[in-house]
Amino acid sequence: KVNSTKSMVGHLLGAAGGVEAIACIKSINENYVHANAGLVNQDPE
């Protein structure tokens, strides 16, 4: 499964990795992968 937490919080620049690490850890704890918010027309690329 592939997602981007930036779809909800934008690009936190230097803070991005810290917040995204928390998203990874919570996903492991809850066996849950969040959606790519706003993803409607997935690029074939």
Full PDB file with SEQRES, HELIX, SHEET, SSBOND, CRYST1, ORIGX, SCALE, CONECT and MASTER records, all heavy atoms in Angstrom:
SEQRES   1 A   45  LYS VAL ASN SER THR LYS SER MET VAL GLY HIS LEU LEU          
SEQRES   2 A   45  GLY ALA ALA GLY GLY VAL GLU ALA ILE ALA CYS ILE LYS          
SEQRES   3 A   45  SER ILE ASN GLU ASN TYR VAL HIS ALA ASN ALA GLY LEU          
SEQRES   4 A   45  VAL ASN GLN ASP PRO GLU                                      
HELIX    1 AA1 LYS A    6  VAL A    9  1                                   4    
HELIX    2 AA2 LEU A   13  ALA A   15  5                                   3    
HELIX    3 AA3 ALA A   16  GLU A   30  1                                  15    
CRYST1    1.000    1.000    1.000  90.00  90.00  90.00 P 1           1          
ORIGX1      1.000000  0.000000  0.000000        0.00000                         
ORIGX2      0.000000  1.000000  0.000000        0.00000                         
ORIGX3      0.000000  0.000000  1.000000        0.00000                         
SCALE1      1.000000  0.000000  0.000000        0.00000                         
SCALE2      0.000000  1.000000  0.000000        0.00000                         
SCALE3      0.000000  0.000000  1.000000        0.00000                         
ATOM      1  N   LYS A   1       0.853  -1.190   0.000  1.00  0.00           N  
ATOM      2  CA  LYS A   1       0.000   0.000   0.000  1.00  0.00           C  
ATOM      3  C   LYS A   1       0.892   1.245   0.000  1.00  0.00           C  
ATOM      4  O   LYS A   1       1.902   1.293   0.713  1.00  0.00           O  
ATOM      5  CB  LYS A   1      -0.910   0.021   1.235  1.00  0.00           C  
ATOM      6  CG  LYS A   1      -1.787  -1.222   1.396  1.00  0.00           C  
ATOM      7  CD  LYS A   1      -2.802  -1.346   0.283  1.00  0.00           C  
ATOM      8  CE  LYS A   1      -3.684  -2.572   0.472  1.00  0.00           C  
ATOM      9  NZ  LYS A   1      -4.566  -2.788  -0.693  1.00  0.00           N  
ATOM     10  N   VAL A   2       0.484   2.249  -0.779  1.00  0.00           N  
ATOM     11  CA  VAL A   2       1.267   3.486  -0.888  1.00  0.00           C  
ATOM     12  C   VAL A   2       0.362   4.681  -0.603  1.00  0.00           C  
ATOM     13  O   VAL A   2      -0.726   4.801  -1.166  1.00  0.00           O  
ATOM     14  CB  VAL A   2       1.882   3.634  -2.299  1.00  0.00           C  
ATOM     15  CG1 VAL A   2       2.681   4.939  -2.405  1.00  0.00           C  
ATOM     16  CG2 VAL A   2       2.775   2.436  -2.628  1.00  0.00           C  
ATOM     17  N   ASN A   3       0.810   5.557   0.301  1.00  0.00           N  
ATOM     18  CA  ASN A   3       0.076   6.809   0.509  1.00  0.00           C  
ATOM     19  C   ASN A   3       1.037   7.946   0.814  1.00  0.00           C  
ATOM     20  O   ASN A   3       2.246   7.737   0.962  1.00  0.00           O  
ATOM     21  CB  ASN A   3      -0.992   6.670   1.609  1.00  0.00           C  
ATOM     22  CG  ASN A   3      -0.416   6.512   3.005  1.00  0.00           C  
ATOM     23  OD1 ASN A   3       0.761   6.753   3.253  1.00  0.00           O  
ATOM     24  ND2 ASN A   3      -1.259   6.096   3.949  1.00  0.00           N  
ATOM     25  N   SER A   4       0.476   9.147   0.877  1.00  0.00           N  
ATOM     26  CA  SER A   4       1.247  10.333   1.243  1.00  0.00           C  
ATOM     27  C   SER A   4       0.464  11.127   2.278  1.00  0.00           C  
ATOM     28  O   SER A   4      -0.632  11.612   1.997  1.00  0.00           O  
ATOM     29  CB  SER A   4       1.516  11.207   0.014  1.00  0.00           C  
ATOM     30  OG  SER A   4       2.103  12.434   0.412  1.00  0.00           O  
ATOM     31  N   THR A   5       1.021  11.259   3.471  1.00  0.00           N  
ATOM     32  CA  THR A   5       0.371  12.037   4.530  1.00  0.00           C  
ATOM     33  C   THR A   5       0.266  13.509   4.130  1.00  0.00           C  
ATOM     34  O   THR A   5      -0.593  14.238   4.634  1.00  0.00           O  
ATOM     35  CB  THR A   5       1.145  11.865   5.849  1.00  0.00           C  
ATOM     36  OG1 THR A   5       1.255  10.460   6.138  1.00  0.00           O  
ATOM     37  CG2 THR A   5       0.440  12.529   7.018  1.00  0.00           C  
ATOM     38  N   LYS A   6       1.116  13.934   3.182  1.00  0.00           N  
ATOM     39  CA  LYS A   6       1.061  15.319   2.698  1.00  0.00           C  
ATOM     40  C   LYS A   6      -0.283  15.655   2.054  1.00  0.00           C  
ATOM     41  O   LYS A   6      -0.628  16.832   1.920  1.00  0.00           O  
ATOM     42  CB  LYS A   6       2.190  15.568   1.696  1.00  0.00           C  
ATOM     43  CG  LYS A   6       3.585  15.516   2.309  1.00  0.00           C  
ATOM     44  CD  LYS A   6       4.664  15.715   1.254  1.00  0.00           C  
ATOM     45  CE  LYS A   6       6.062  15.666   1.862  1.00  0.00           C  
ATOM     46  NZ  LYS A   6       6.461  14.292   2.281  1.00  0.00           N  
ATOM     47  N   SER A   7      -1.049  14.634   1.653  1.00  0.00           N  
ATOM     48  CA  SER A   7      -2.361  14.897   1.076  1.00  0.00           C  
ATOM     49  C   SER A   7      -3.298  15.542   2.089  1.00  0.00           C  
ATOM     50  O   SER A   7      -4.288  16.178   1.705  1.00  0.00           O  
ATOM     51  CB  SER A   7      -2.985  13.600   0.539  1.00  0.00           C  
ATOM     52  OG  SER A   7      -3.221  12.669   1.586  1.00  0.00           O  
ATOM     53  N   MET A   8      -2.983  15.420   3.397  1.00  0.00           N  
ATOM     54  CA  MET A   8      -3.818  16.012   4.441  1.00  0.00           C  
ATOM     55  C   MET A   8      -3.167  17.196   5.144  1.00  0.00           C  
ATOM     56  O   MET A   8      -3.839  18.154   5.501  1.00  0.00           O  
ATOM     57  CB  MET A   8      -4.186  14.949   5.472  1.00  0.00           C  
ATOM     58  CG  MET A   8      -5.215  13.960   4.968  1.00  0.00           C  
ATOM     59  SD  MET A   8      -5.686  12.751   6.205  1.00  0.00           S  
ATOM     60  CE  MET A   8      -5.015  11.289   5.465  1.00  0.00           C  
ATOM     61  N   VAL A   9      -1.847  17.121   5.333  1.00  0.00           N  
ATOM     62  CA  VAL A   9      -1.174  18.162   6.116  1.00  0.00           C  
ATOM     63  C   VAL A   9      -0.292  19.076   5.259  1.00  0.00           C  
ATOM     64  O   VAL A   9       0.368  19.973   5.790  1.00  0.00           O  
ATOM     65  CB  VAL A   9      -0.326  17.551   7.258  1.00  0.00           C  
ATOM     66  CG1 VAL A   9      -1.204  16.770   8.205  1.00  0.00           C  
ATOM     67  CG2 VAL A   9       0.817  16.692   6.725  1.00  0.00           C  
ATOM     68  N   GLY A  10      -0.311  18.880   3.935  1.00  0.00           N  
ATOM     69  CA  GLY A  10       0.602  19.641   3.106  1.00  0.00           C  
ATOM     70  C   GLY A  10       2.031  19.173   3.310  1.00  0.00           C  
ATOM     71  O   GLY A  10       2.282  18.139   3.942  1.00  0.00           O  
ATOM     72  N   HIS A  11       2.962  19.947   2.781  1.00  0.00           N  
ATOM     73  CA  HIS A  11       4.381  19.587   2.872  1.00  0.00           C  
ATOM     74  C   HIS A  11       5.006  20.333   4.036  1.00  0.00           C  
ATOM     75  O   HIS A  11       5.212  21.543   3.976  1.00  0.00           O  
ATOM     76  CB  HIS A  11       5.081  19.931   1.565  1.00  0.00           C  
ATOM     77  CG  HIS A  11       6.445  19.341   1.446  1.00  0.00           C  
ATOM     78  ND1 HIS A  11       7.123  18.777   2.525  1.00  0.00           N  
ATOM     79  CD2 HIS A  11       7.288  19.223   0.378  1.00  0.00           C  
ATOM     80  CE1 HIS A  11       8.305  18.345   2.115  1.00  0.00           C  
ATOM     81  NE2 HIS A  11       8.427  18.604   0.826  1.00  0.00           N  
ATOM     82  N   LEU A  12       5.313  19.589   5.091  1.00  0.00           N  
ATOM     83  CA  LEU A  12       5.885  20.195   6.295  1.00  0.00           C  
ATOM     84  C   LEU A  12       7.392  20.419   6.195  1.00  0.00           C  
ATOM     85  O   LEU A  12       8.041  20.737   7.190  1.00  0.00           O  
ATOM     86  CB  LEU A  12       5.550  19.343   7.535  1.00  0.00           C  
ATOM     87  CG  LEU A  12       4.225  19.666   8.236  1.00  0.00           C  
ATOM     88  CD1 LEU A  12       3.037  19.514   7.312  1.00  0.00           C  
ATOM     89  CD2 LEU A  12       4.039  18.784   9.467  1.00  0.00           C  
ATOM     90  N   LEU A  13       7.943  20.250   4.997  1.00  0.00           N  
ATOM     91  CA  LEU A  13       9.351  20.550   4.739  1.00  0.00           C  
ATOM     92  C   LEU A  13      10.235  19.795   5.739  1.00  0.00           C  
ATOM     93  O   LEU A  13      10.222  18.582   5.772  1.00  0.00           O  
ATOM     94  CB  LEU A  13       9.570  22.063   4.760  1.00  0.00           C  
ATOM     95  CG  LEU A  13       8.605  22.863   3.855  1.00  0.00           C  
ATOM     96  CD1 LEU A  13       8.771  24.365   4.068  1.00  0.00           C  
ATOM     97  CD2 LEU A  13       8.805  22.519   2.397  1.00  0.00           C  
ATOM     98  N   GLY A  14      10.997  20.493   6.571  1.00  0.00           N  
ATOM     99  CA  GLY A  14      11.892  19.811   7.500  1.00  0.00           C  
ATOM    100  C   GLY A  14      11.186  18.976   8.551  1.00  0.00           C  
ATOM    101  O   GLY A  14      11.783  18.086   9.155  1.00  0.00           O  
ATOM    102  N   ALA A  15       9.901  19.230   8.776  1.00  0.00           N  
ATOM    103  CA  ALA A  15       9.123  18.464   9.761  1.00  0.00           C  
ATOM    104  C   ALA A  15       8.438  17.250   9.159  1.00  0.00           C  
ATOM    105  O   ALA A  15       7.907  16.409   9.885  1.00  0.00           O  
ATOM    106  CB  ALA A  15       8.071  19.366  10.405  1.00  0.00           C  
ATOM    107  N   ALA A  16       8.433  17.144   7.823  1.00  0.00           N  
ATOM    108  CA  ALA A  16       7.656  16.099   7.155  1.00  0.00           C  
ATOM    109  C   ALA A  16       8.032  14.700   7.633  1.00  0.00           C  
ATOM    110  O   ALA A  16       7.158  13.893   7.974  1.00  0.00           O  
ATOM    111  CB  ALA A  16       7.834  16.203   5.643  1.00  0.00           C  
ATOM    112  N   GLY A  17       9.321  14.392   7.663  1.00  0.00           N  
ATOM    113  CA  GLY A  17       9.759  13.054   8.032  1.00  0.00           C  
ATOM    114  C   GLY A  17       9.352  12.657   9.440  1.00  0.00           C  
ATOM    115  O   GLY A  17       9.016  11.492   9.692  1.00  0.00           O  
ATOM    116  N   GLY A  18       9.362  13.612  10.361  1.00  0.00           N  
ATOM    117  CA  GLY A  18       8.975  13.311  11.734  1.00  0.00           C  
ATOM    118  C   GLY A  18       7.505  12.954  11.845  1.00  0.00           C  
ATOM    119  O   GLY A  18       7.134  11.964  12.487  1.00  0.00           O  
ATOM    120  N   VAL A  19       6.651  13.755  11.212  1.00  0.00           N  
ATOM    121  CA  VAL A  19       5.214  13.490  11.258  1.00  0.00           C  
ATOM    122  C   VAL A  19       4.880  12.210  10.494  1.00  0.00           C  
ATOM    123  O   VAL A  19       4.038  11.407  10.920  1.00  0.00           O  
ATOM    124  CB  VAL A  19       4.436  14.703  10.696  1.00  0.00           C  
ATOM    125  CG1 VAL A  19       2.953  14.372  10.516  1.00  0.00           C  
ATOM    126  CG2 VAL A  19       4.597  15.902  11.628  1.00  0.00           C  
ATOM    127  N   GLU A  20       5.560  11.978   9.367  1.00  0.00           N  
ATOM    128  CA  GLU A  20       5.289  10.778   8.569  1.00  0.00           C  
ATOM    129  C   GLU A  20       5.786   9.509   9.269  1.00  0.00           C  
ATOM    130  O   GLU A  20       5.196   8.438   9.106  1.00  0.00           O  
ATOM    131  CB  GLU A  20       5.882  10.954   7.174  1.00  0.00           C  
ATOM    132  CG  GLU A  20       5.079  11.979   6.365  1.00  0.00           C  
ATOM    133  CD  GLU A  20       5.837  12.651   5.236  1.00  0.00           C  
ATOM    134  OE1 GLU A  20       6.902  12.127   4.823  1.00  0.00           O  
ATOM    135  OE2 GLU A  20       5.371  13.704   4.753  1.00  0.00           O  
ATOM    136  N   ALA A  21       6.838   9.623  10.070  1.00  0.00           N  
ATOM    137  CA  ALA A  21       7.270   8.483  10.887  1.00  0.00           C  
ATOM    138  C   ALA A  21       6.177   8.096  11.869  1.00  0.00           C  
ATOM    139  O   ALA A  21       5.902   6.908  12.091  1.00  0.00           O  
ATOM    140  CB  ALA A  21       8.560   8.830  11.635  1.00  0.00           C  
ATOM    141  N   ILE A  22       5.521   9.105  12.457  1.00  0.00           N  
ATOM    142  CA  ILE A  22       4.421   8.842  13.387  1.00  0.00           C  
ATOM    143  C   ILE A  22       3.274   8.143  12.663  1.00  0.00           C  
ATOM    144  O   ILE A  22       2.677   7.194  13.185  1.00  0.00           O  
ATOM    145  CB  ILE A  22       3.959  10.148  14.065  1.00  0.00           C  
ATOM    146  CG1 ILE A  22       5.056  10.653  15.010  1.00  0.00           C  
ATOM    147  CG2 ILE A  22       2.648   9.949  14.826  1.00  0.00           C  
ATOM    148  CD1 ILE A  22       4.847  12.064  15.530  1.00  0.00           C  
ATOM    149  N   ALA A  23       2.987   8.574  11.429  1.00  0.00           N  
ATOM    150  CA  ALA A  23       1.939   7.917  10.635  1.00  0.00           C  
ATOM    151  C   ALA A  23       2.288   6.451  10.390  1.00  0.00           C  
ATOM    152  O   ALA A  23       1.418   5.572  10.467  1.00  0.00           O  
ATOM    153  CB  ALA A  23       1.743   8.654   9.315  1.00  0.00           C  
ATOM    154  N   CYS A  24       3.558   6.165  10.117  1.00  0.00           N  
ATOM    155  CA  CYS A  24       3.996   4.773   9.911  1.00  0.00           C  
ATOM    156  C   CYS A  24       3.815   3.942  11.176  1.00  0.00           C  
ATOM    157  O   CYS A  24       3.320   2.812  11.131  1.00  0.00           O  
ATOM    158  CB  CYS A  24       5.465   4.739   9.485  1.00  0.00           C  
ATOM    159  SG  CYS A  24       5.759   5.269   7.789  1.00  0.00           S  
ATOM    160  N   ILE A  25       4.214   4.509  12.305  1.00  0.00           N  
ATOM    161  CA  ILE A  25       4.142   3.785  13.573  1.00  0.00           C  
ATOM    162  C   ILE A  25       2.683   3.512  13.959  1.00  0.00           C  
ATOM    163  O   ILE A  25       2.333   2.407  14.389  1.00  0.00           O  
ATOM    164  CB  ILE A  25       4.884   4.582  14.670  1.00  0.00           C  
ATOM    165  CG1 ILE A  25       6.390   4.614  14.360  1.00  0.00           C  
ATOM    166  CG2 ILE A  25       4.628   3.973  16.054  1.00  0.00           C  
ATOM    167  CD1 ILE A  25       7.146   5.739  15.063  1.00  0.00           C  
ATOM    168  N   LYS A  26       1.830   4.515  13.785  1.00  0.00           N  
ATOM    169  CA  LYS A  26       0.402   4.320  14.085  1.00  0.00           C  
ATOM    170  C   LYS A  26      -0.221   3.293  13.133  1.00  0.00           C  
ATOM    171  O   LYS A  26      -1.088   2.505  13.535  1.00  0.00           O  
ATOM    172  CB  LYS A  26      -0.348   5.654  13.975  1.00  0.00           C  
ATOM    173  CG  LYS A  26       0.049   6.683  15.022  1.00  0.00           C  
ATOM    174  CD  LYS A  26      -0.256   6.267  16.441  1.00  0.00           C  
ATOM    175  CE  LYS A  26      -1.721   6.405  16.773  1.00  0.00           C  
ATOM    176  NZ  LYS A  26      -1.989   6.123  18.211  1.00  0.00           N  
ATOM    177  N   SER A  27       0.234   3.278  11.887  1.00  0.00           N  
ATOM    178  CA  SER A  27      -0.284   2.286  10.932  1.00  0.00           C  
ATOM    179  C   SER A  27       0.080   0.875  11.363  1.00  0.00           C  
ATOM    180  O   SER A  27      -0.730  -0.053  11.236  1.00  0.00           O  
ATOM    181  CB  SER A  27       0.280   2.574   9.531  1.00  0.00           C  
ATOM    182  OG  SER A  27      -0.210   3.799   9.037  1.00  0.00           O  
ATOM    183  N   ILE A  28       1.305   0.710  11.882  1.00  0.00           N  
ATOM    184  CA  ILE A  28       1.738  -0.594  12.390  1.00  0.00           C  
ATOM    185  C   ILE A  28       0.908  -0.987  13.616  1.00  0.00           C  
ATOM    186  O   ILE A  28       0.439  -2.121  13.733  1.00  0.00           O  
ATOM    187  CB  ILE A  28       3.242  -0.565  12.729  1.00  0.00           C  
ATOM    188  CG1 ILE A  28       4.066  -0.490  11.431  1.00  0.00           C  
ATOM    189  CG2 ILE A  28       3.646  -1.780  13.561  1.00  0.00           C  
ATOM    190  CD1 ILE A  28       5.546  -0.189  11.658  1.00  0.00           C  
ATOM    191  N   ASN A  29       0.704  -0.039  14.516  1.00  0.00           N  
ATOM    192  CA  ASN A  29      -0.042  -0.318  15.748  1.00  0.00           C  
ATOM    193  C   ASN A  29      -1.491  -0.708  15.476  1.00  0.00           C  
ATOM    194  O   ASN A  29      -2.066  -1.534  16.187  1.00  0.00           O  
ATOM    195  CB  ASN A  29      -0.030   0.905  16.674  1.00  0.00           C  
ATOM    196  CG  ASN A  29       1.339   1.241  17.224  1.00  0.00           C  
ATOM    197  OD1 ASN A  29       1.554   2.338  17.729  1.00  0.00           O  
ATOM    198  ND2 ASN A  29       2.294   0.322  17.124  1.00  0.00           N  
ATOM    199  N   GLU A  30      -2.091  -0.102  14.460  1.00  0.00           N  
ATOM    200  CA  GLU A  30      -3.522  -0.290  14.232  1.00  0.00           C  
ATOM    201  C   GLU A  30      -3.847  -1.096  12.978  1.00  0.00           C  
ATOM    202  O   GLU A  30      -5.027  -1.290  12.661  1.00  0.00           O  
ATOM    203  CB  GLU A  30      -4.215   1.083  14.167  1.00  0.00           C  
ATOM    204  CG  GLU A  30      -4.075   1.868  15.473  1.00  0.00           C  
ATOM    205  CD  GLU A  30      -4.930   3.124  15.508  1.00  0.00           C  
ATOM    206  OE1 GLU A  30      -5.841   3.262  14.678  1.00  0.00           O  
ATOM    207  OE2 GLU A  30      -4.678   3.969  16.396  1.00  0.00           O  
ATOM    208  N   ASN A  31      -2.802  -1.557  12.260  1.00  0.00           N  
ATOM    209  CA  ASN A  31      -3.027  -2.277  10.994  1.00  0.00           C  
ATOM    210  C   ASN A  31      -4.004  -1.498  10.112  1.00  0.00           C  
ATOM    211  O   ASN A  31      -5.039  -1.999   9.669  1.00  0.00           O  
ATOM    212  CB  ASN A  31      -3.554  -3.700  11.258  1.00  0.00           C  
ATOM    213  CG  ASN A  31      -2.464  -4.583  11.853  1.00  0.00           C  
ATOM    214  OD1 ASN A  31      -1.343  -4.618  11.356  1.00  0.00           O  
ATOM    215  ND2 ASN A  31      -2.799  -5.290  12.930  1.00  0.00           N  
ATOM    216  N   TYR A  32      -3.627  -0.254   9.869  1.00  0.00           N  
ATOM    217  CA  TYR A  32      -4.508   0.683   9.173  1.00  0.00           C  
ATOM    218  C   TYR A  32      -3.664   1.574   8.272  1.00  0.00           C  
ATOM    219  O   TYR A  32      -2.644   2.110   8.705  1.00  0.00           O  
ATOM    220  CB  TYR A  32      -5.244   1.536  10.214  1.00  0.00           C  
ATOM    221  CG  TYR A  32      -6.138   2.624   9.660  1.00  0.00           C  
ATOM    222  CD1 TYR A  32      -7.491   2.392   9.427  1.00  0.00           C  
ATOM    223  CD2 TYR A  32      -5.627   3.887   9.386  1.00  0.00           C  
ATOM    224  CE1 TYR A  32      -8.321   3.394   8.929  1.00  0.00           C  
ATOM    225  CE2 TYR A  32      -6.444   4.895   8.892  1.00  0.00           C  
ATOM    226  CZ  TYR A  32      -7.786   4.643   8.666  1.00  0.00           C  
ATOM    227  OH  TYR A  32      -8.594   5.642   8.170  1.00  0.00           O  
ATOM    228  N   VAL A  33      -4.072   1.733   7.023  1.00  0.00           N  
ATOM    229  CA  VAL A  33      -3.372   2.614   6.091  1.00  0.00           C  
ATOM    230  C   VAL A  33      -4.340   3.695   5.633  1.00  0.00           C  
ATOM    231  O   VAL A  33      -5.405   3.401   5.078  1.00  0.00           O  
ATOM    232  CB  VAL A  33      -2.827   1.833   4.876  1.00  0.00           C  
ATOM    233  CG1 VAL A  33      -2.170   2.784   3.869  1.00  0.00           C  
ATOM    234  CG2 VAL A  33      -1.822   0.775   5.325  1.00  0.00           C  
ATOM    235  N   HIS A  34      -3.969   4.950   5.891  1.00  0.00           N  
ATOM    236  CA  HIS A  34      -4.884   6.046   5.561  1.00  0.00           C  
ATOM    237  C   HIS A  34      -4.945   6.307   4.058  1.00  0.00           C  
ATOM    238  O   HIS A  34      -4.054   5.925   3.297  1.00  0.00           O  
ATOM    239  CB  HIS A  34      -4.519   7.313   6.343  1.00  0.00           C  
ATOM    240  CG  HIS A  34      -3.277   8.033   5.876  1.00  0.00           C  
ATOM    241  ND1 HIS A  34      -3.208   8.734   4.679  1.00  0.00           N  
ATOM    242  CD2 HIS A  34      -2.057   8.208   6.468  1.00  0.00           C  
ATOM    243  CE1 HIS A  34      -2.024   9.304   4.553  1.00  0.00           C  
ATOM    244  NE2 HIS A  34      -1.306   8.984   5.617  1.00  0.00           N  
ATOM    245  N   ALA A  35      -6.001   6.964   3.640  1.00  0.00           N  
ATOM    246  CA  ALA A  35      -6.204   7.273   2.224  1.00  0.00           C  
ATOM    247  C   ALA A  35      -5.309   8.426   1.785  1.00  0.00           C  
ATOM    248  O   ALA A  35      -4.855   9.231   2.604  1.00  0.00           O  
ATOM    249  CB  ALA A  35      -7.664   7.644   1.980  1.00  0.00           C  
ATOM    250  N   ASN A  36      -5.067   8.496   0.482  1.00  0.00           N  
ATOM    251  CA  ASN A  36      -4.520   9.706  -0.124  1.00  0.00           C  
ATOM    252  C   ASN A  36      -5.707  10.647  -0.316  1.00  0.00           C  
ATOM    253  O   ASN A  36      -6.487  10.487  -1.256  1.00  0.00           O  
ATOM    254  CB  ASN A  36      -3.880   9.383  -1.480  1.00  0.00           C  
ATOM    255  CG  ASN A  36      -2.588   8.607  -1.331  1.00  0.00           C  
ATOM    256  OD1 ASN A  36      -1.560   9.159  -0.954  1.00  0.00           O  
ATOM    257  ND2 ASN A  36      -2.633   7.311  -1.621  1.00  0.00           N  
ATOM    258  N   ALA A  37      -5.858  11.596   0.599  1.00  0.00           N  
ATOM    259  CA  ALA A  37      -7.013  12.488   0.533  1.00  0.00           C  
ATOM    260  C   ALA A  37      -6.995  13.244  -0.790  1.00  0.00           C  
ATOM    261  O   ALA A  37      -5.954  13.767  -1.205  1.00  0.00           O  
ATOM    262  CB  ALA A  37      -6.984  13.471   1.698  1.00  0.00           C  
ATOM    263  N   GLY A  38      -8.132  13.298  -1.444  1.00  0.00           N  
ATOM    264  CA  GLY A  38      -8.224  14.067  -2.682  1.00  0.00           C  
ATOM    265  C   GLY A  38      -7.776  13.333  -3.927  1.00  0.00           C  
ATOM    266  O   GLY A  38      -7.851  13.885  -5.026  1.00  0.00           O  
ATOM    267  N   LEU A  39      -7.311  12.086  -3.787  1.00  0.00           N  
ATOM    268  CA  LEU A  39      -6.905  11.324  -4.971  1.00  0.00           C  
ATOM    269  C   LEU A  39      -8.154  10.843  -5.707  1.00  0.00           C  
ATOM    270  O   LEU A  39      -8.893  10.000  -5.217  1.00  0.00           O  
ATOM    271  CB  LEU A  39      -6.025  10.137  -4.577  1.00  0.00           C  
ATOM    272  CG  LEU A  39      -5.579   9.212  -5.728  1.00  0.00           C  
ATOM    273  CD1 LEU A  39      -4.844   9.982  -6.816  1.00  0.00           C  
ATOM    274  CD2 LEU A  39      -4.698   8.079  -5.182  1.00  0.00           C  
ATOM    275  N   VAL A  40      -8.379  11.394  -6.890  1.00  0.00           N  
ATOM    276  CA  VAL A  40      -9.568  11.069  -7.682  1.00  0.00           C  
ATOM    277  C   VAL A  40      -9.172  10.385  -8.983  1.00  0.00           C  
ATOM    278  O   VAL A  40      -9.630   9.297  -9.298  1.00  0.00           O  
ATOM    279  CB  VAL A  40     -10.393  12.349  -7.980  1.00  0.00           C  
ATOM    280  CG1 VAL A  40     -11.605  12.011  -8.841  1.00  0.00           C  
ATOM    281  CG2 VAL A  40     -10.826  13.027  -6.680  1.00  0.00           C  
ATOM    282  N   ASN A  41      -8.305  11.045  -9.743  1.00  0.00           N  
ATOM    283  CA  ASN A  41      -7.898  10.543 -11.059  1.00  0.00           C  
ATOM    284  C   ASN A  41      -6.428  10.119 -11.003  1.00  0.00           C  
ATOM    285  O   ASN A  41      -5.542  10.933 -11.255  1.00  0.00           O  
ATOM    286  CB  ASN A  41      -8.088  11.626 -12.128  1.00  0.00           C  
ATOM    287  CG  ASN A  41      -9.487  12.203 -12.121  1.00  0.00           C  
ATOM    288  OD1 ASN A  41     -10.458  11.459 -12.176  1.00  0.00           O  
ATOM    289  ND2 ASN A  41      -9.596  13.525 -12.038  1.00  0.00           N  
ATOM    290  N   GLN A  42      -6.177   8.859 -10.630  1.00  0.00           N  
ATOM    291  CA  GLN A  42      -4.798   8.413 -10.466  1.00  0.00           C  
ATOM    292  C   GLN A  42      -4.045   8.464 -11.795  1.00  0.00           C  
ATOM    293  O   GLN A  42      -4.534   8.002 -12.827  1.00  0.00           O  
ATOM    294  CB  GLN A  42      -4.749   6.993  -9.889  1.00  0.00           C  
ATOM    295  CG  GLN A  42      -3.331   6.567  -9.498  1.00  0.00           C  
ATOM    296  CD  GLN A  42      -3.332   5.295  -8.671  1.00  0.00           C  
ATOM    297  OE1 GLN A  42      -4.307   4.969  -8.000  1.00  0.00           O  
ATOM    298  NE2 GLN A  42      -2.224   4.570  -8.696  1.00  0.00           N  
ATOM    299  N   ASP A  43      -2.849   9.046 -11.737  1.00  0.00           N  
ATOM    300  CA  ASP A  43      -2.011   9.179 -12.926  1.00  0.00           C  
ATOM    301  C   ASP A  43      -1.509   7.798 -13.352  1.00  0.00           C  
ATOM    302  O   ASP A  43      -0.958   7.061 -12.528  1.00  0.00           O  
ATOM    303  CB  ASP A  43      -0.825  10.091 -12.595  1.00  0.00           C  
ATOM    304  CG  ASP A  43       0.004  10.474 -13.809  1.00  0.00           C  
ATOM    305  OD1 ASP A  43      -0.046   9.758 -14.827  1.00  0.00           O  
ATOM    306  OD2 ASP A  43       0.717  11.485 -13.733  1.00  0.00           O  
ATOM    307  N   PRO A  44      -1.673   7.415 -14.620  1.00  0.00           N  
ATOM    308  CA  PRO A  44      -1.141   6.131 -15.093  1.00  0.00           C  
ATOM    309  C   PRO A  44       0.365   5.987 -14.855  1.00  0.00           C  
ATOM    310  O   PRO A  44       0.865   4.872 -14.721  1.00  0.00           O  
ATOM    311  CB  PRO A  44      -1.461   6.142 -16.591  1.00  0.00           C  
ATOM    312  CG  PRO A  44      -2.605   7.086 -16.735  1.00  0.00           C  
ATOM    313  CD  PRO A  44      -2.415   8.127 -15.673  1.00  0.00           C  
ATOM    314  N   GLU A  45       1.079   7.127 -14.778  1.00  0.00           N  
ATOM    315  CA  GLU A  45       2.519   7.077 -14.475  1.00  0.00           C  
ATOM    316  C   GLU A  45       2.762   6.611 -13.045  1.00  0.00           C  
ATOM    317  O   GLU A  45       3.823   6.090 -12.735  1.00  0.00           O  
ATOM    318  CB  GLU A  45       3.152   8.468 -14.651  1.00  0.00           C  
ATOM    319  CG  GLU A  45       3.640   8.787 -16.040  1.00  0.00           C  
ATOM    320  CD  GLU A  45       4.528  10.024 -16.037  1.00  0.00           C  
ATOM    321  OE1 GLU A  45       4.001  11.135 -15.871  1.00  0.00           O  
ATOM    322  OE2 GLU A  45       5.758   9.875 -16.200  1.00  0.00           O  
TER     323      GLU A  45                                                      
MASTER        0    0    0    3    0    0    0    6  322    1    0    4          
END                                                                             
